[in-house]
Amino acid sequence: MKKKSFAIFIVFLFIASLTFLHQKILIYVEAYKISKNHRLSNELVDKRDYLVYNLTKETSVQKINQWAEKNNFSPTEKVLALNLRRTEPVKPANKVMAMFTDLLGIPTGSSTALAGEKE
C-alpha cells in the first residue's frame, strides 16, 4: 500500500511540476512577444518623428502655397472656427430668465434658443 501511495505522490508531483513549467514557458513567450511589439512600436515612432522633423525643416508656407497653386489645390469653401470665446456673457432678454440665471447660475443660451424656436 505504501508503494502505491508513494508512486501516486511521485506522479502527482511530476504532473504538478510539468504544469508549473508549462505556465512559466507561456509567460516567457508572451513577455517576448510584448517586448518585440514594444521595440517595433518604438522604432516606428522614431521614424515618424524623424519624418515630421524633416518635413518641418524642409518645407515652408511658401513651398506649400507654390505646390497648391501648381496642383490646382483649393481648400474647402467652409471655414471652421474653433475655440471661439465670448468676451462678455450673454444677457437674457427676459427678466425672469435673468433672475433665474443670477440666482441659480443656469446658462440661458439654450433656453432662449428653444423659446425662439417655439414662437
C-alpha atoms as a PDB file:
ATOM      1  CA  MET A   1       0.000   0.000   0.000  1.00  0.00           C
ATOM      2  CA  LYS A   2       2.878   2.349   0.825  1.00  0.00           C
ATOM      3  CA  LYS A   3       4.477   1.727  -2.552  1.00  0.00           C
ATOM      4  CA  LYS A   4       1.248   2.616  -4.396  1.00  0.00           C
ATOM      5  CA  SER A   5       0.720   5.816  -2.408  1.00  0.00           C
ATOM      6  CA  PHE A   6       4.396   6.779  -2.933  1.00  0.00           C
ATOM      7  CA  ALA A   7       4.064   6.150  -6.708  1.00  0.00           C
ATOM      8  CA  ILE A   8       0.852   8.208  -6.851  1.00  0.00           C
ATOM      9  CA  PHE A   9       2.575  11.007  -4.938  1.00  0.00           C
ATOM     10  CA  ILE A  10       5.528  10.952  -7.378  1.00  0.00           C
ATOM     11  CA  VAL A  11       3.169  11.018 -10.415  1.00  0.00           C
ATOM     12  CA  PHE A  12       1.148  13.877  -8.875  1.00  0.00           C
ATOM     13  CA  LEU A  13       4.345  15.822  -8.116  1.00  0.00           C
ATOM     14  CA  PHE A  14       5.606  15.225 -11.677  1.00  0.00           C
ATOM     15  CA  ILE A  15       2.334  16.431 -13.251  1.00  0.00           C
ATOM     16  CA  ALA A  16       2.231  19.490 -10.977  1.00  0.00           C
ATOM     17  CA  SER A  17       5.818  20.424 -11.851  1.00  0.00           C
ATOM     18  CA  LEU A  18       5.123  19.967 -15.603  1.00  0.00           C
ATOM     19  CA  THR A  19       2.056  22.202 -15.311  1.00  0.00           C
ATOM     20  CA  PHE A  20       4.071  24.856 -13.472  1.00  0.00           C
ATOM     21  CA  LEU A  21       6.861  24.658 -16.066  1.00  0.00           C
ATOM     22  CA  HIS A  22       4.339  24.931 -18.919  1.00  0.00           C
ATOM     23  CA  GLN A  23       2.766  28.042 -17.384  1.00  0.00           C
ATOM     24  CA  LYS A  24       6.194  29.595 -16.850  1.00  0.00           C
ATOM     25  CA  ILE A  25       7.108  28.953 -20.505  1.00  0.00           C
ATOM     26  CA  LEU A  26       3.833  30.572 -21.653  1.00  0.00           C
ATOM     27  CA  ILE A  27       4.633  33.647 -19.548  1.00  0.00           C
ATOM     28  CA  TYR A  28       8.090  33.931 -21.123  1.00  0.00           C
ATOM     29  CA  VAL A  29       6.647  33.539 -24.635  1.00  0.00           C
ATOM     30  CA  GLU A  30       4.108  36.323 -24.014  1.00  0.00           C
ATOM     31  CA  ALA A  31       6.797  38.548 -22.484  1.00  0.00           C
ATOM     32  CA  TYR A  32       8.947  38.016 -25.573  1.00  0.00           C
ATOM     33  CA  LYS A  33       6.029  38.946 -27.863  1.00  0.00           C
ATOM     34  CA  ILE A  34       5.290  42.062 -25.826  1.00  0.00           C
ATOM     35  CA  SER A  35       8.927  43.198 -25.842  1.00  0.00           C
ATOM     36  CA  LYS A  36       9.149  42.590 -29.595  1.00  0.00           C
ATOM     37  CA  ASN A  37       5.979  44.640 -30.230  1.00  0.00           C
ATOM     38  CA  HIS A  38       7.216  47.387 -27.913  1.00  0.00           C
ATOM     39  CA  ARG A  39      10.560  47.562 -29.701  1.00  0.00           C
ATOM     40  CA  LEU A  40       8.818  47.677 -33.099  1.00  0.00           C
ATOM     41  CA  SER A  41       6.446  50.438 -31.976  1.00  0.00           C
ATOM     42  CA  ASN A  42       9.396  52.460 -30.637  1.00  0.00           C
ATOM     43  CA  GLU A  43      11.168  52.128 -33.986  1.00  0.00           C
ATOM     44  CA  LEU A  44       8.041  53.272 -35.840  1.00  0.00           C
ATOM     45  CA  VAL A  45       7.588  56.245 -33.510  1.00  0.00           C
ATOM     46  CA  ASP A  46      11.229  57.210 -34.053  1.00  0.00           C
ATOM     47  CA  LYS A  47      10.787  57.013 -37.834  1.00  0.00           C
ATOM     48  CA  ARG A  48       7.630  59.109 -37.645  1.00  0.00           C
ATOM     49  CA  ASP A  49       9.380  61.747 -35.528  1.00  0.00           C
ATOM     50  CA  TYR A  50      12.301  61.806 -37.960  1.00  0.00           C
ATOM     51  CA  LEU A  51       9.962  62.287 -40.933  1.00  0.00           C
ATOM     52  CA  VAL A  52       7.967  65.019 -39.206  1.00  0.00           C
ATOM     53  CA  TYR A  53      11.168  66.818 -38.227  1.00  0.00           C
ATOM     54  CA  ASN A  54      12.461  66.680 -41.813  1.00  0.00           C
ATOM     55  CA  LEU A  55       9.112  67.837 -43.160  1.00  0.00           C
ATOM     56  CA  THR A  56       9.005  70.847 -40.857  1.00  0.00           C
ATOM     57  CA  LYS A  57      12.635  71.744 -41.577  1.00  0.00           C
ATOM     58  CA  GLU A  58      12.476  71.430 -45.362  1.00  0.00           C
ATOM     59  CA  THR A  59       9.046  72.856 -46.070  1.00  0.00           C
ATOM     60  CA  SER A  60       7.778  76.363 -45.593  1.00  0.00           C
ATOM     61  CA  VAL A  61       4.498  78.136 -46.148  1.00  0.00           C
ATOM     62  CA  GLN A  62       5.795  79.481 -49.457  1.00  0.00           C
ATOM     63  CA  LYS A  63       6.606  75.985 -50.717  1.00  0.00           C
ATOM     64  CA  ILE A  64       3.200  74.721 -49.663  1.00  0.00           C
ATOM     65  CA  ASN A  65       1.489  77.645 -51.413  1.00  0.00           C
ATOM     66  CA  GLN A  66       3.540  77.029 -54.574  1.00  0.00           C
ATOM     67  CA  TRP A  67       2.595  73.369 -54.517  1.00  0.00           C
ATOM     68  CA  ALA A  68      -1.081  74.255 -54.010  1.00  0.00           C
ATOM     69  CA  GLU A  69      -1.040  76.644 -56.970  1.00  0.00           C
ATOM     70  CA  LYS A  70       0.862  74.188 -59.159  1.00  0.00           C
ATOM     71  CA  ASN A  71      -1.540  71.321 -58.457  1.00  0.00           C
ATOM     72  CA  ASN A  72      -4.702  73.462 -58.512  1.00  0.00           C
ATOM     73  CA  PHE A  73      -5.370  72.601 -54.923  1.00  0.00           C
ATOM     74  CA  SER A  74      -8.048  74.655 -53.227  1.00  0.00           C
ATOM     75  CA  PRO A  75      -9.226  74.321 -49.644  1.00  0.00           C
ATOM     76  CA  THR A  76     -12.844  73.669 -48.886  1.00  0.00           C
ATOM     77  CA  GLU A  77     -15.263  76.557 -49.074  1.00  0.00           C
ATOM     78  CA  LYS A  78     -16.356  76.238 -45.467  1.00  0.00           C
ATOM     79  CA  VAL A  79     -14.200  77.822 -42.810  1.00  0.00           C
ATOM     80  CA  LEU A  80     -14.341  76.279 -39.364  1.00  0.00           C
ATOM     81  CA  ALA A  81     -13.688  78.453 -36.323  1.00  0.00           C
ATOM     82  CA  LEU A  82     -12.573  76.608 -33.246  1.00  0.00           C
ATOM     83  CA  ASN A  83     -12.330  77.773 -29.641  1.00  0.00           C
ATOM     84  CA  LEU A  84     -14.245  80.989 -30.104  1.00  0.00           C
ATOM     85  CA  ARG A  85     -14.928  82.551 -26.741  1.00  0.00           C
ATOM     86  CA  ARG A  86     -17.178  85.447 -25.990  1.00  0.00           C
ATOM     87  CA  THR A  87     -15.659  88.292 -24.067  1.00  0.00           C
ATOM     88  CA  GLU A  88     -18.865  89.164 -22.264  1.00  0.00           C
ATOM     89  CA  PRO A  89     -21.615  86.820 -21.075  1.00  0.00           C
ATOM     90  CA  VAL A  90     -24.907  86.714 -22.947  1.00  0.00           C
ATOM     91  CA  LYS A  91     -27.637  88.624 -21.152  1.00  0.00           C
ATOM     92  CA  PRO A  92     -31.083  87.067 -21.392  1.00  0.00           C
ATOM     93  CA  ALA A  93     -33.795  89.207 -22.947  1.00  0.00           C
ATOM     94  CA  ASN A  94     -36.410  88.075 -20.448  1.00  0.00           C
ATOM     95  CA  LYS A  95     -36.218  89.467 -16.875  1.00  0.00           C
ATOM     96  CA  VAL A  96     -37.486  86.186 -15.371  1.00  0.00           C
ATOM     97  CA  MET A  97     -34.709  84.268 -17.135  1.00  0.00           C
ATOM     98  CA  ALA A  98     -32.184  86.851 -15.940  1.00  0.00           C
ATOM     99  CA  MET A  99     -33.359  86.310 -12.351  1.00  0.00           C
ATOM    100  CA  PHE A 100     -33.006  82.501 -12.671  1.00  0.00           C
ATOM    101  CA  THR A 101     -29.584  82.952 -14.198  1.00  0.00           C
ATOM    102  CA  ASP A 102     -28.433  85.183 -11.351  1.00  0.00           C
ATOM    103  CA  LEU A 103     -29.906  83.003  -8.599  1.00  0.00           C
ATOM    104  CA  LEU A 104     -29.189  79.515  -9.902  1.00  0.00           C
ATOM    105  CA  GLY A 105     -26.264  80.112 -12.244  1.00  0.00           C
ATOM    106  CA  ILE A 106     -28.033  78.387 -15.118  1.00  0.00           C
ATOM    107  CA  PRO A 107     -26.831  79.445 -18.570  1.00  0.00           C
ATOM    108  CA  THR A 108     -29.671  80.715 -20.692  1.00  0.00           C
ATOM    109  CA  GLY A 109     -28.258  80.325 -24.191  1.00  0.00           C
ATOM    110  CA  SER A 110     -30.082  77.087 -24.924  1.00  0.00           C
ATOM    111  CA  SER A 111     -33.317  78.049 -23.189  1.00  0.00           C
ATOM    112  CA  THR A 112     -33.664  81.289 -25.130  1.00  0.00           C
ATOM    113  CA  ALA A 113     -32.890  79.404 -28.343  1.00  0.00           C
ATOM    114  CA  LEU A 114     -35.612  76.897 -27.555  1.00  0.00           C
ATOM    115  CA  ALA A 115     -38.007  79.716 -26.703  1.00  0.00           C
ATOM    116  CA  GLY A 116     -37.205  81.357 -30.032  1.00  0.00           C
ATOM    117  CA  GLU A 117     -37.963  78.136 -31.877  1.00  0.00           C
ATOM    118  CA  LYS A 118     -41.369  77.770 -30.255  1.00  0.00           C
ATOM    119  CA  GLU A 119     -42.523  81.195 -31.430  1.00  0.00           C
END
